[in-house]
PDB file of N, CA and C in Angstrom:
ATOM      1  N   MET A   1      -9.114 -11.586 -16.128  1.00  0.00           N
ATOM      2  CA  MET A   1      -9.566  -9.995 -15.898  1.00  0.00           C
ATOM      3  C   MET A   1      -9.366  -8.977 -15.236  1.00  0.00           C
ATOM      4  N   LEU A   2      -9.447  -9.691 -13.879  1.00  0.00           N
ATOM      5  CA  LEU A   2      -9.888  -9.026 -12.838  1.00  0.00           C
ATOM      6  C   LEU A   2      -8.764  -8.624 -11.955  1.00  0.00           C
ATOM      7  N   PRO A   3      -7.799  -9.460 -12.058  1.00  0.00           N
ATOM      8  CA  PRO A   3      -6.418  -8.734 -11.340  1.00  0.00           C
ATOM      9  C   PRO A   3      -6.053  -7.274 -12.304  1.00  0.00           C
ATOM     10  N   VAL A   4      -6.121  -7.695 -13.768  1.00  0.00           N
ATOM     11  CA  VAL A   4      -5.742  -6.258 -14.407  1.00  0.00           C
ATOM     12  C   VAL A   4      -6.660  -5.178 -13.574  1.00  0.00           C
ATOM     13  N   ILE A   5      -7.923  -5.398 -13.513  1.00  0.00           N
ATOM     14  CA  ILE A   5      -8.675  -4.084 -12.782  1.00  0.00           C
ATOM     15  C   ILE A   5      -8.197  -3.975 -11.403  1.00  0.00           C
ATOM     16  N   LEU A   6      -7.974  -4.472 -10.977  1.00  0.00           N
ATOM     17  CA  LEU A   6      -7.699  -4.533  -9.280  1.00  0.00           C
ATOM     18  C   LEU A   6      -6.242  -3.668  -9.297  1.00  0.00           C
ATOM     19  N   SER A   7      -5.519  -4.385 -10.272  1.00  0.00           N
ATOM     20  CA  SER A   7      -4.143  -3.520 -10.146  1.00  0.00           C
ATOM     21  C   SER A   7      -4.135  -2.377 -10.860  1.00  0.00           C
ATOM     22  N   ALA A   8      -4.816  -1.964 -11.367  1.00  0.00           N
ATOM     23  CA  ALA A   8      -5.195  -0.909 -12.330  1.00  0.00           C
ATOM     24  C   ALA A   8      -5.865   0.285 -11.379  1.00  0.00           C
ATOM     25  N   LEU A   9      -6.455  -0.420 -10.428  1.00  0.00           N
ATOM     26  CA  LEU A   9      -7.127   0.643  -9.122  1.00  0.00           C
ATOM     27  C   LEU A   9      -5.914   0.878  -7.875  1.00  0.00           C
ATOM     28  N   LEU A  10      -5.046  -0.017  -7.918  1.00  0.00           N
ATOM     29  CA  LEU A  10      -4.268  -0.222  -6.699  1.00  0.00           C
ATOM     30  C   LEU A  10      -2.908   0.796  -6.905  1.00  0.00           C
ATOM     31  N   ALA A  11      -2.421   0.273  -8.113  1.00  0.00           N
ATOM     32  CA  ALA A  11      -1.152   0.629  -8.298  1.00  0.00           C
ATOM     33  C   ALA A  11      -0.953   2.351  -8.625  1.00  0.00           C
ATOM     34  N   PRO A  12      -1.738   2.872  -9.304  1.00  0.00           N
ATOM     35  CA  PRO A  12      -1.781   4.207  -9.373  1.00  0.00           C
ATOM     36  C   PRO A  12      -1.473   5.064  -7.559  1.00  0.00           C
ATOM     37  N   VAL A  13      -2.796   4.571  -7.052  1.00  0.00           N
ATOM     38  CA  VAL A  13      -2.838   5.093  -5.553  1.00  0.00           C
ATOM     39  C   VAL A  13      -1.483   4.788  -4.509  1.00  0.00           C
ATOM     40  N   LEU A  14      -0.827   3.559  -4.970  1.00  0.00           N
ATOM     41  CA  LEU A  14       0.561   3.222  -4.193  1.00  0.00           C
ATOM     42  C   LEU A  14       1.555   4.123  -4.806  1.00  0.00           C
ATOM     43  N   LEU A  15       1.495   4.627  -5.972  1.00  0.00           N
ATOM     44  CA  LEU A  15       2.462   5.129  -6.500  1.00  0.00           C
ATOM     45  C   LEU A  15       2.251   6.484  -6.174  1.00  0.00           C
ATOM     46  N   VAL A  16       1.598   6.918  -5.766  1.00  0.00           N
ATOM     47  CA  VAL A  16       1.368   8.712  -5.459  1.00  0.00           C
ATOM     48  C   VAL A  16       1.578   8.820  -4.127  1.00  0.00           C
ATOM     49  N   LEU A  17       0.888   7.682  -3.372  1.00  0.00           N
ATOM     50  CA  LEU A  17       0.906   7.845  -1.836  1.00  0.00           C
ATOM     51  C   LEU A  17       2.451   7.521  -1.360  1.00  0.00           C
ATOM     52  N   GLY A  18       2.898   6.516  -2.172  1.00  0.00           N
ATOM     53  CA  GLY A  18       4.615   6.120  -1.907  1.00  0.00           C
ATOM     54  C   GLY A  18       5.655   7.602  -2.230  1.00  0.00           C
ATOM     55  N   SER A  19       5.214   8.056  -3.729  1.00  0.00           N
ATOM     56  CA  SER A  19       6.134   8.828  -4.078  1.00  0.00           C
ATOM     57  C   SER A  19       5.763  10.114  -3.045  1.00  0.00           C
ATOM     58  N   ALA A  20       4.885  10.692  -2.261  1.00  0.00           N
ATOM     59  CA  ALA A  20       4.733  11.598  -1.490  1.00  0.00           C
ATOM     60  C   ALA A  20       5.537  11.479  -0.431  1.00  0.00           C
ATOM     61  N   LYS A  21       5.777  10.027   0.301  1.00  0.00           N
ATOM     62  CA  LYS A  21       6.171   9.599   1.570  1.00  0.00           C
ATOM     63  C   LYS A  21       7.736   9.628   1.402  1.00  0.00           C
ATOM     64  N   VAL A  22       8.422   9.301  -0.070  1.00  0.00           N
ATOM     65  CA  VAL A  22       9.595   9.045  -0.291  1.00  0.00           C
ATOM     66  C   VAL A  22      10.404  10.425  -0.692  1.00  0.00           C
ATOM     67  N   ILE A  23       9.473  11.397  -1.093  1.00  0.00           N
ATOM     68  CA  ILE A  23       9.988  13.039  -0.979  1.00  0.00           C
ATOM     69  C   ILE A  23       9.784  14.064  -0.259  1.00  0.00           C
ATOM     70  N   ARG A  24       9.131  13.030   0.788  1.00  0.00           N
ATOM     71  CA  ARG A  24       8.862  13.882   2.478  1.00  0.00           C
ATOM     72  C   ARG A  24       8.273  15.093   2.038  1.00  0.00           C
ATOM     73  N   HIS A  25       7.091  14.868   1.463  1.00  0.00           N
ATOM     74  CA  HIS A  25       5.956  15.978   1.197  1.00  0.00           C
ATOM     75  C   HIS A  25       5.891  16.087   2.830  1.00  0.00           C
ATOM     76  N   PRO A  26       5.416  17.538   2.935  1.00  0.00           N
ATOM     77  CA  PRO A  26       4.971  18.084   4.194  1.00  0.00           C
ATOM     78  C   PRO A  26       3.755  17.516   4.942  1.00  0.00           C
ATOM     79  N   MET A  27       2.848  17.325   4.032  1.00  0.00           N
ATOM     80  CA  MET A  27       1.545  16.249   4.855  1.00  0.00           C
ATOM     81  C   MET A  27       1.903  14.996   5.382  1.00  0.00           C
ATOM     82  N   MET A  28       2.939  14.431   4.235  1.00  0.00           N
ATOM     83  CA  MET A  28       3.539  13.099   5.043  1.00  0.00           C
ATOM     84  C   MET A  28       4.268  12.898   6.250  1.00  0.00           C
ATOM     85  N   GLN A  29       5.119  14.589   6.324  1.00  0.00           N
ATOM     86  CA  GLN A  29       5.608  14.737   7.460  1.00  0.00           C
ATOM     87  C   GLN A  29       4.827  14.468   8.547  1.00  0.00           C
ATOM     88  N   GLN A  30       3.925  15.486   8.287  1.00  0.00           N
ATOM     89  CA  GLN A  30       3.191  15.386   9.623  1.00  0.00           C
ATOM     90  C   GLN A  30       2.255  13.940   9.620  1.00  0.00           C
ATOM     91  N   ASN A  31       2.036  13.380   9.164  1.00  0.00           N
ATOM     92  CA  ASN A  31       1.235  11.904   8.911  1.00  0.00           C
ATOM     93  C   ASN A  31       2.368  10.935  10.073  1.00  0.00           C
ATOM     94  N   ALA A  32       3.787  11.127   9.368  1.00  0.00           N
ATOM     95  CA  ALA A  32       4.496  10.067  10.215  1.00  0.00           C
ATOM     96  C   ALA A  32       4.494  10.671  11.955  1.00  0.00           C
ATOM     97  N   ARG A  33       4.697  11.743  11.780  1.00  0.00           N
ATOM     98  CA  ARG A  33       4.987  11.998  13.335  1.00  0.00           C
ATOM     99  C   ARG A  33       3.586  11.688  13.994  1.00  0.00           C
ATOM    100  N   HIS A  34       2.314  12.080  13.542  1.00  0.00           N
ATOM    101  CA  HIS A  34       1.126  11.571  13.768  1.00  0.00           C
ATOM    102  C   HIS A  34       0.966  10.195  13.951  1.00  0.00           C
ATOM    103  N   LEU A  35       1.646   9.430  13.679  1.00  0.00           N
ATOM    104  CA  LEU A  35       1.546   7.804  13.497  1.00  0.00           C
ATOM    105  C   LEU A  35       2.625   7.389  14.233  1.00  0.00           C
ATOM    106  N   GLY A  36       3.413   8.360  14.856  1.00  0.00           N
ATOM    107  CA  GLY A  36       4.842   7.924  15.882  1.00  0.00           C
ATOM    108  C   GLY A  36       5.691   7.170  14.870  1.00  0.00           C
ATOM    109  N   PHE A  37       6.035   7.364  13.639  1.00  0.00           N
ATOM    110  CA  PHE A  37       7.215   7.112  12.783  1.00  0.00           C
ATOM    111  C   PHE A  37       8.127   8.429  12.569  1.00  0.00           C
ATOM    112  N   SER A  38       9.100   8.175  12.422  1.00  0.00           N
ATOM    113  CA  SER A  38      10.118   8.558  11.825  1.00  0.00           C
ATOM    114  C   SER A  38      10.092   9.552  10.591  1.00  0.00           C
ATOM    115  N   VAL A  39      10.430  10.418   9.891  1.00  0.00           N
ATOM    116  CA  VAL A  39      10.365  10.705   8.688  1.00  0.00           C
ATOM    117  C   VAL A  39      10.749   9.774   7.552  1.00  0.00           C
ATOM    118  N   SER A  40      12.320   9.415   8.369  1.00  0.00           N
ATOM    119  CA  SER A  40      12.788   8.200   7.385  1.00  0.00           C
ATOM    120  C   SER A  40      12.268   7.273   7.343  1.00  0.00           C
ATOM    121  N   GLY A  41      11.751   6.373   8.521  1.00  0.00           N
ATOM    122  CA  GLY A  41      11.089   5.370   8.350  1.00  0.00           C
ATOM    123  C   GLY A  41      10.042   5.470   7.399  1.00  0.00           C
ATOM    124  N   PHE A  42       9.045   6.350   7.868  1.00  0.00           N
ATOM    125  CA  PHE A  42       7.709   6.990   7.020  1.00  0.00           C
ATOM    126  C   PHE A  42       8.078   6.856   5.377  1.00  0.00           C
ATOM    127  N   GLN A  43       9.603   7.231   5.017  1.00  0.00           N
ATOM    128  CA  GLN A  43      10.147   6.973   3.561  1.00  0.00           C
ATOM    129  C   GLN A  43      10.095   5.718   3.133  1.00  0.00           C
ATOM    130  N   LEU A  44      10.723   4.879   3.896  1.00  0.00           N
ATOM    131  CA  LEU A  44      10.907   3.513   3.709  1.00  0.00           C
ATOM    132  C   LEU A  44       9.244   2.950   3.668  1.00  0.00           C
ATOM    133  N   VAL A  45       8.509   3.551   4.234  1.00  0.00           N
ATOM    134  CA  VAL A  45       7.170   2.843   3.794  1.00  0.00           C
ATOM    135  C   VAL A  45       6.731   3.249   2.271  1.00  0.00           C
ATOM    136  N   GLY A  46       6.947   4.538   2.362  1.00  0.00           N
ATOM    137  CA  GLY A  46       6.761   4.818   0.707  1.00  0.00           C
ATOM    138  C   GLY A  46       7.484   4.274   0.092  1.00  0.00           C
ATOM    139  N   ALA A  47       8.983   3.806   0.520  1.00  0.00           N
ATOM    140  CA  ALA A  47       9.560   2.996  -0.756  1.00  0.00           C
ATOM    141  C   ALA A  47       9.058   1.682  -1.324  1.00  0.00           C
ATOM    142  N   VAL A  48       8.554   1.052  -0.306  1.00  0.00           N
ATOM    143  CA  VAL A  48       7.469  -0.288  -0.622  1.00  0.00           C
ATOM    144  C   VAL A  48       6.400   0.006  -1.156  1.00  0.00           C
ATOM    145  N   GLU A  49       5.853   0.880  -0.655  1.00  0.00           N
ATOM    146  CA  GLU A  49       4.211   1.546  -1.634  1.00  0.00           C
ATOM    147  C   GLU A  49       4.742   1.461  -3.217  1.00  0.00           C
ATOM    148  N   LEU A  50       5.761   2.310  -3.118  1.00  0.00           N
ATOM    149  CA  LEU A  50       6.160   2.194  -4.673  1.00  0.00           C
ATOM    150  C   LEU A  50       6.632   1.151  -5.414  1.00  0.00           C
ATOM    151  N   ALA A  51       7.318   0.002  -4.628  1.00  0.00           N
ATOM    152  CA  ALA A  51       7.707  -1.143  -5.268  1.00  0.00           C
ATOM    153  C   ALA A  51       6.314  -1.966  -5.252  1.00  0.00           C
ATOM    154  N   GLY A  52       5.694  -1.831  -4.253  1.00  0.00           N
ATOM    155  CA  GLY A  52       4.357  -3.080  -4.815  1.00  0.00           C
ATOM    156  C   GLY A  52       3.507  -2.375  -5.554  1.00  0.00           C
ATOM    157  N   GLY A  53       3.527  -1.143  -5.928  1.00  0.00           N
ATOM    158  CA  GLY A  53       2.851  -0.667  -7.069  1.00  0.00           C
ATOM    159  C   GLY A  53       3.567  -1.086  -8.194  1.00  0.00           C
ATOM    160  N   VAL A  54       4.573  -0.893  -8.430  1.00  0.00           N
ATOM    161  CA  VAL A  54       5.223  -1.341  -9.468  1.00  0.00           C
ATOM    162  C   VAL A  54       5.194  -3.184  -9.828  1.00  0.00           C
ATOM    163  N   GLY A  55       5.363  -3.427  -8.619  1.00  0.00           N
ATOM    164  CA  GLY A  55       5.156  -5.148  -8.663  1.00  0.00           C
ATOM    165  C   GLY A  55       3.722  -5.274  -9.110  1.00  0.00           C
ATOM    166  N   LEU A  56       2.681  -4.751  -8.609  1.00  0.00           N
ATOM    167  CA  LEU A  56       1.060  -5.102  -9.076  1.00  0.00           C
ATOM    168  C   LEU A  56       1.239  -5.004 -10.785  1.00  0.00           C
ATOM    169  N   ILE A  57       2.327  -4.240 -11.257  1.00  0.00           N
ATOM    170  CA  ILE A  57       1.839  -3.784 -12.701  1.00  0.00           C
ATOM    171  C   ILE A  57       2.593  -4.874 -13.550  1.00  0.00           C
ATOM    172  N   LEU A  58       4.046  -4.949 -13.162  1.00  0.00           N
ATOM    173  CA  LEU A  58       4.699  -5.952 -13.563  1.00  0.00           C
ATOM    174  C   LEU A  58       4.298  -7.183 -13.415  1.00  0.00           C
ATOM    175  N   GLY A  59       3.519  -7.411 -12.320  1.00  0.00           N
ATOM    176  CA  GLY A  59       3.162  -8.979 -12.010  1.00  0.00           C
ATOM    177  C   GLY A  59       1.913  -9.377 -12.880  1.00  0.00           C
ATOM    178  N   LEU A  60       1.146  -8.275 -13.762  1.00  0.00           N
ATOM    179  CA  LEU A  60       0.307  -8.871 -15.005  1.00  0.00           C
ATOM    180  C   LEU A  60       1.225  -9.706 -16.004  1.00  0.00           C
ATOM    181  N   PHE A  61       2.303  -9.528 -15.908  1.00  0.00           N
ATOM    182  CA  PHE A  61       3.249 -10.007 -17.144  1.00  0.00           C
ATOM    183  C   PHE A  61       4.092 -11.184 -16.373  1.00  0.00           C
ATOM    184  N   TRP A  62       4.216 -11.324 -14.883  1.00  0.00           N
ATOM    185  CA  TRP A  62       5.231 -12.290 -14.909  1.00  0.00           C
ATOM    186  C   TRP A  62       4.379 -12.377 -13.345  1.00  0.00           C
ATOM    187  N   THR A  63       3.622 -13.930 -12.997  1.00  0.00           N
ATOM    188  CA  THR A  63       2.642 -13.865 -12.205  1.00  0.00           C
ATOM    189  C   THR A  63       3.637 -13.819 -10.663  1.00  0.00           C
ATOM    190  N   PRO A  64       4.429 -14.560 -10.675  1.00  0.00           N
ATOM    191  CA  PRO A  64       5.147 -14.866  -9.304  1.00  0.00           C
ATOM    192  C   PRO A  64       5.129 -13.205  -8.775  1.00  0.00           C
ATOM    193  N   LEU A  65       5.913 -12.295  -9.706  1.00  0.00           N
ATOM    194  CA  LEU A  65       5.958 -10.668  -8.911  1.00  0.00           C
ATOM    195  C   LEU A  65       5.099 -10.008  -8.651  1.00  0.00           C
ATOM    196  N   GLY A  66       3.260 -10.604  -9.057  1.00  0.00           N
ATOM    197  CA  GLY A  66       2.314  -9.986  -8.972  1.00  0.00           C
ATOM    198  C   GLY A  66       1.548 -10.696  -7.485  1.00  0.00           C
ATOM    199  N   VAL A  67       2.508 -11.904  -7.349  1.00  0.00           N
ATOM    200  CA  VAL A  67       1.836 -12.862  -5.956  1.00  0.00           C
ATOM    201  C   VAL A  67       2.946 -12.181  -4.899  1.00  0.00           C
ATOM    202  N   ALA A  68       4.097 -12.013  -5.195  1.00  0.00           N
ATOM    203  CA  ALA A  68       4.835 -11.490  -4.335  1.00  0.00           C
ATOM    204  C   ALA A  68       4.453  -9.811  -3.463  1.00  0.00           C
ATOM    205  N   ALA A  69       4.412  -9.290  -4.445  1.00  0.00           N
ATOM    206  CA  ALA A  69       3.747  -8.020  -4.534  1.00  0.00           C
ATOM    207  C   ALA A  69       2.716  -7.824  -3.468  1.00  0.00           C
ATOM    208  N   SER A  70       1.371  -8.511  -4.158  1.00  0.00           N
ATOM    209  CA  SER A  70       0.261  -8.741  -3.417  1.00  0.00           C
ATOM    210  C   SER A  70       0.664  -9.054  -1.810  1.00  0.00           C
ATOM    211  N   VAL A  71       1.488  -9.953  -1.417  1.00  0.00           N
ATOM    212  CA  VAL A  71       1.405 -10.212  -0.274  1.00  0.00           C
ATOM    213  C   VAL A  71       1.974  -9.527   0.682  1.00  0.00           C
ATOM    214  N   GLY A  72       3.028  -9.082   0.214  1.00  0.00           N
ATOM    215  CA  GLY A  72       3.903  -7.504   0.449  1.00  0.00           C
ATOM    216  C   GLY A  72       2.797  -6.634   0.935  1.00  0.00           C
ATOM    217  N   LEU A  73       1.779  -5.907  -0.188  1.00  0.00           N
ATOM    218  CA  LEU A  73       1.485  -5.351   0.204  1.00  0.00           C
ATOM    219  C   LEU A  73      -0.402  -5.196   1.076  1.00  0.00           C
ATOM    220  N   VAL A  74      -0.427  -6.911   1.253  1.00  0.00           N
ATOM    221  CA  VAL A  74      -1.359  -7.093   2.013  1.00  0.00           C
ATOM    222  C   VAL A  74      -0.520  -7.043   3.801  1.00  0.00           C
ATOM    223  N   LEU A  75      -0.006  -6.917   3.920  1.00  0.00           N
ATOM    224  CA  LEU A  75       1.001  -6.977   5.429  1.00  0.00           C
ATOM    225  C   LEU A  75       1.234  -5.475   5.285  1.00  0.00           C
ATOM    226  N   LEU A  76       1.726  -4.874   4.520  1.00  0.00           N
ATOM    227  CA  LEU A  76       2.190  -3.049   4.562  1.00  0.00           C
ATOM    228  C   LEU A  76       0.781  -2.542   4.867  1.00  0.00           C
ATOM    229  N   LEU A  77      -0.633  -2.739   4.186  1.00  0.00           N
ATOM    230  CA  LEU A  77      -1.662  -2.221   4.242  1.00  0.00           C
ATOM    231  C   LEU A  77      -2.376  -2.444   5.390  1.00  0.00           C
ATOM    232  N   ALA A  78      -2.168  -3.756   6.077  1.00  0.00           N
ATOM    233  CA  ALA A  78      -3.060  -4.281   7.147  1.00  0.00           C
ATOM    234  C   ALA A  78      -2.329  -3.414   8.411  1.00  0.00           C
ATOM    235  N   GLY A  79      -0.861  -3.339   8.243  1.00  0.00           N
ATOM    236  CA  GLY A  79      -0.196  -2.854   9.157  1.00  0.00           C
ATOM    237  C   GLY A  79      -0.370  -0.881   9.139  1.00  0.00           C
ATOM    238  N   GLY A  80      -0.836  -0.544   7.947  1.00  0.00           N
ATOM    239  CA  GLY A  80      -1.255   1.031   8.055  1.00  0.00           C
ATOM    240  C   GLY A  80      -2.481   1.073   8.822  1.00  0.00           C
ATOM    241  N   ALA A  81      -3.637   0.479   8.694  1.00  0.00           N
ATOM    242  CA  ALA A  81      -4.471   0.294   9.126  1.00  0.00           C
ATOM    243  C   ALA A  81      -4.728   0.260  10.720  1.00  0.00           C
ATOM    244  N   PHE A  82      -3.913  -0.962  10.917  1.00  0.00           N
ATOM    245  CA  PHE A  82      -3.538  -0.991  12.517  1.00  0.00           C
ATOM    246  C   PHE A  82      -2.811   0.451  13.097  1.00  0.00           C
ATOM    247  N   ALA A  83      -1.899   0.927  12.382  1.00  0.00           N
ATOM    248  CA  ALA A  83      -1.255   2.449  12.792  1.00  0.00           C
ATOM    249  C   ALA A  83      -2.144   3.046  13.026  1.00  0.00           C
ATOM    250  N   HIS A  84      -3.251   3.353  12.006  1.00  0.00           N
ATOM    251  CA  HIS A  84      -4.062   4.628  12.158  1.00  0.00           C
ATOM    252  C   HIS A  84      -5.192   3.961  13.548  1.00  0.00           C
ATOM    253  N   ALA A  85      -5.686   2.566  13.547  1.00  0.00           N
ATOM    254  CA  ALA A  85      -6.317   2.414  14.708  1.00  0.00           C
ATOM    255  C   ALA A  85      -5.907   2.989  15.683  1.00  0.00           C
ATOM    256  N   ARG A  86      -4.527   2.492  16.171  1.00  0.00           N
ATOM    257  CA  ARG A  86      -3.354   2.572  17.273  1.00  0.00           C
ATOM    258  C   ARG A  86      -3.826   3.872  18.007  1.00  0.00           C
ATOM    259  N   VAL A  87      -3.691   5.174  17.256  1.00  0.00           N
ATOM    260  CA  VAL A  87      -3.626   6.369  17.354  1.00  0.00           C
ATOM    261  C   VAL A  87      -5.197   6.774  17.590  1.00  0.00           C
ATOM    262  N   ARG A  88      -6.094   5.921  17.088  1.00  0.00           N
ATOM    263  CA  ARG A  88      -7.491   6.514  17.392  1.00  0.00           C
ATOM    264  C   ARG A  88      -7.999   7.360  16.263  1.00  0.00           C
ATOM    265  N   ASP A  89      -7.299   7.242  14.867  1.00  0.00           N
ATOM    266  CA  ASP A  89      -7.825   8.022  13.760  1.00  0.00           C
ATOM    267  C   ASP A  89      -9.237   8.088  13.769  1.00  0.00           C
ATOM    268  N   ARG A  90     -10.146   8.711  12.708  1.00  0.00           N
ATOM    269  CA  ARG A  90     -10.982   8.497  12.280  1.00  0.00           C
ATOM    270  C   ARG A  90     -11.482   7.089  11.471  1.00  0.00           C
ATOM    271  N   PHE A  91     -12.639   6.547  11.073  1.00  0.00           N
ATOM    272  CA  PHE A  91     -12.962   5.374  10.491  1.00  0.00           C
ATOM    273  C   PHE A  91     -12.467   5.418   9.216  1.00  0.00           C
ATOM    274  N   VAL A  92     -12.504   6.865   8.663  1.00  0.00           N
ATOM    275  CA  VAL A  92     -11.876   6.663   7.142  1.00  0.00           C
ATOM    276  C   VAL A  92     -10.548   6.276   6.764  1.00  0.00           C
ATOM    277  N   LYS A  93      -9.799   7.215   8.138  1.00  0.00           N
ATOM    278  CA  LYS A  93      -8.355   6.820   8.087  1.00  0.00           C
ATOM    279  C   LYS A  93      -8.148   5.336   8.247  1.00  0.00           C
ATOM    280  N   ILE A  94      -8.522   4.910   9.001  1.00  0.00           N
ATOM    281  CA  ILE A  94      -8.674   3.218   9.132  1.00  0.00           C
ATOM    282  C   ILE A  94      -9.127   2.513   7.773  1.00  0.00           C
ATOM    283  N   ALA A  95     -10.060   3.050   7.463  1.00  0.00           N
ATOM    284  CA  ALA A  95     -10.737   1.955   6.208  1.00  0.00           C
ATOM    285  C   ALA A  95      -9.897   2.191   5.041  1.00  0.00           C
ATOM    286  N   PHE A  96      -9.437   3.339   4.662  1.00  0.00           N
ATOM    287  CA  PHE A  96      -8.664   3.270   3.451  1.00  0.00           C
ATOM    288  C   PHE A  96      -7.456   2.250   3.401  1.00  0.00           C
ATOM    289  N   PRO A  97      -6.847   2.192   4.209  1.00  0.00           N
ATOM    290  CA  PRO A  97      -5.556   1.051   3.885  1.00  0.00           C
ATOM    291  C   PRO A  97      -6.234  -0.109   4.348  1.00  0.00           C
ATOM    292  N   ALA A  98      -7.098  -0.266   4.976  1.00  0.00           N
ATOM    293  CA  ALA A  98      -7.882  -1.700   5.147  1.00  0.00           C
ATOM    294  C   ALA A  98      -8.535  -2.196   4.042  1.00  0.00           C
ATOM    295  N   VAL A  99      -9.379  -1.079   3.272  1.00  0.00           N
ATOM    296  CA  VAL A  99      -9.781  -1.917   2.032  1.00  0.00           C
ATOM    297  C   VAL A  99      -8.829  -1.818   0.835  1.00  0.00           C
ATOM    298  N   CYS A 100      -7.692  -1.100   0.826  1.00  0.00           N
ATOM    299  CA  CYS A 100      -6.602  -1.515  -0.070  1.00  0.00           C
ATOM    300  C   CYS A 100      -5.775  -2.882   0.412  1.00  0.00           C
ATOM    301  N   ALA A 101      -5.824  -2.987   1.707  1.00  0.00           N
ATOM    302  CA  ALA A 101      -5.335  -4.601   1.728  1.00  0.00           C
ATOM    303  C   ALA A 101      -6.219  -5.377   1.232  1.00  0.00           C
ATOM    304  N   ALA A 102      -7.650  -5.497   1.525  1.00  0.00           N
ATOM    305  CA  ALA A 102      -8.321  -6.427   1.308  1.00  0.00           C
ATOM    306  C   ALA A 102      -8.347  -6.615  -0.307  1.00  0.00           C
ATOM    307  N   LEU A 103      -8.287  -5.171  -1.178  1.00  0.00           N
ATOM    308  CA  LEU A 103      -8.298  -5.367  -2.438  1.00  0.00           C
ATOM    309  C   LEU A 103      -6.630  -6.025  -3.156  1.00  0.00           C
ATOM    310  N   SER A 104      -5.584  -5.795  -2.238  1.00  0.00           N
ATOM    311  CA  SER A 104      -4.575  -6.526  -2.610  1.00  0.00           C
ATOM    312  C   SER A 104      -4.633  -7.949  -2.553  1.00  0.00           C
ATOM    313  N   GLY A 105      -5.618  -8.252  -1.216  1.00  0.00           N
ATOM    314  CA  GLY A 105      -5.909  -9.662  -1.008  1.00  0.00           C
ATOM    315  C   GLY A 105      -6.411 -10.368  -1.814  1.00  0.00           C
ATOM    316  N   ALA A 106      -7.244  -9.727  -2.512  1.00  0.00           N
ATOM    317  CA  ALA A 106      -8.445 -10.276  -3.708  1.00  0.00           C
ATOM    318  C   ALA A 106      -7.312 -10.328  -4.834  1.00  0.00           C
ATOM    319  N   THR A 107      -6.465  -9.525  -5.129  1.00  0.00           N
ATOM    320  CA  THR A 107      -5.417  -9.527  -6.575  1.00  0.00           C
ATOM    321  C   THR A 107      -4.458 -10.988  -6.177  1.00  0.00           C
ATOM    322  N   LEU A 108      -3.972 -11.016  -4.756  1.00  0.00           N
ATOM    323  CA  LEU A 108      -3.519 -12.150  -4.612  1.00  0.00           C
ATOM    324  C   LEU A 108      -4.280 -13.343  -4.624  1.00  0.00           C
ATOM    325  N   VAL A 109      -5.335 -13.924  -4.278  1.00  0.00           N
ATOM    326  CA  VAL A 109      -6.358 -14.900  -4.595  1.00  0.00           C
ATOM    327  C   VAL A 109      -6.310 -15.018  -6.207  1.00  0.00           C
ATOM    328  N   LEU A 110      -6.510 -13.914  -7.025  1.00  0.00           N
ATOM    329  CA  LEU A 110      -6.896 -14.048  -8.086  1.00  0.00           C
ATOM    330  C   LEU A 110      -5.895 -14.501  -8.860  1.00  0.00           C
ATOM    331  N   HIS A 111      -4.400 -14.264  -8.645  1.00  0.00           N
ATOM    332  CA  HIS A 111      -3.296 -14.569  -9.135  1.00  0.00           C
ATOM    333  C   HIS A 111      -2.906 -16.100  -8.572  1.00  0.00           C
ATOM    334  N   LEU A 112      -3.555 -16.309  -7.846  1.00  0.00           N
ATOM    335  CA  LEU A 112      -3.040 -17.955  -7.222  1.00  0.00           C
ATOM    336  C   LEU A 112      -4.066 -18.918  -7.872  1.00  0.00           C
ATOM    337  N   ALA A 113      -5.572 -18.187  -8.082  1.00  0.00           N
ATOM    338  CA  ALA A 113      -6.231 -19.250  -8.937  1.00  0.00           C
ATOM    339  C   ALA A 113      -6.078 -19.871 -10.109  1.00  0.00           C
TER     340      ALA A 113
END
C-alpha cells in the first residue's frame, strides 16, 4: 500500500515539472540557464522526469518497471539537488529535489521488499 501512496505523491509532481521542461516554459528556460544547462538539455531532463512519473504509475502493475523508474529518479533527483547546491541556491530549492529523491528511494526499497 505504501508504494501506491508514494507513487501517487511523486508521479503528479514529476509529470507537471517534466511537462513544463519539455514544452520550454519560460520559467524552466530561466532555471536551465541559472543551473548552467542548455534549454534542450533541460528538455531532456524533463523527458526523463515524464518517463519516471509514468514508470512509477505503471510500476504499480509491473514491479520491475517501478524498480527501474525509482532507481532512475533517485539518480536524476539527487543530481538536481546537487545542481542547485552547486549554484548556491536557497535551501528550499535544494531540499525539494533531495526530498523527492528520498521518496523515490523509499519507493524503490518498498518495491524490493
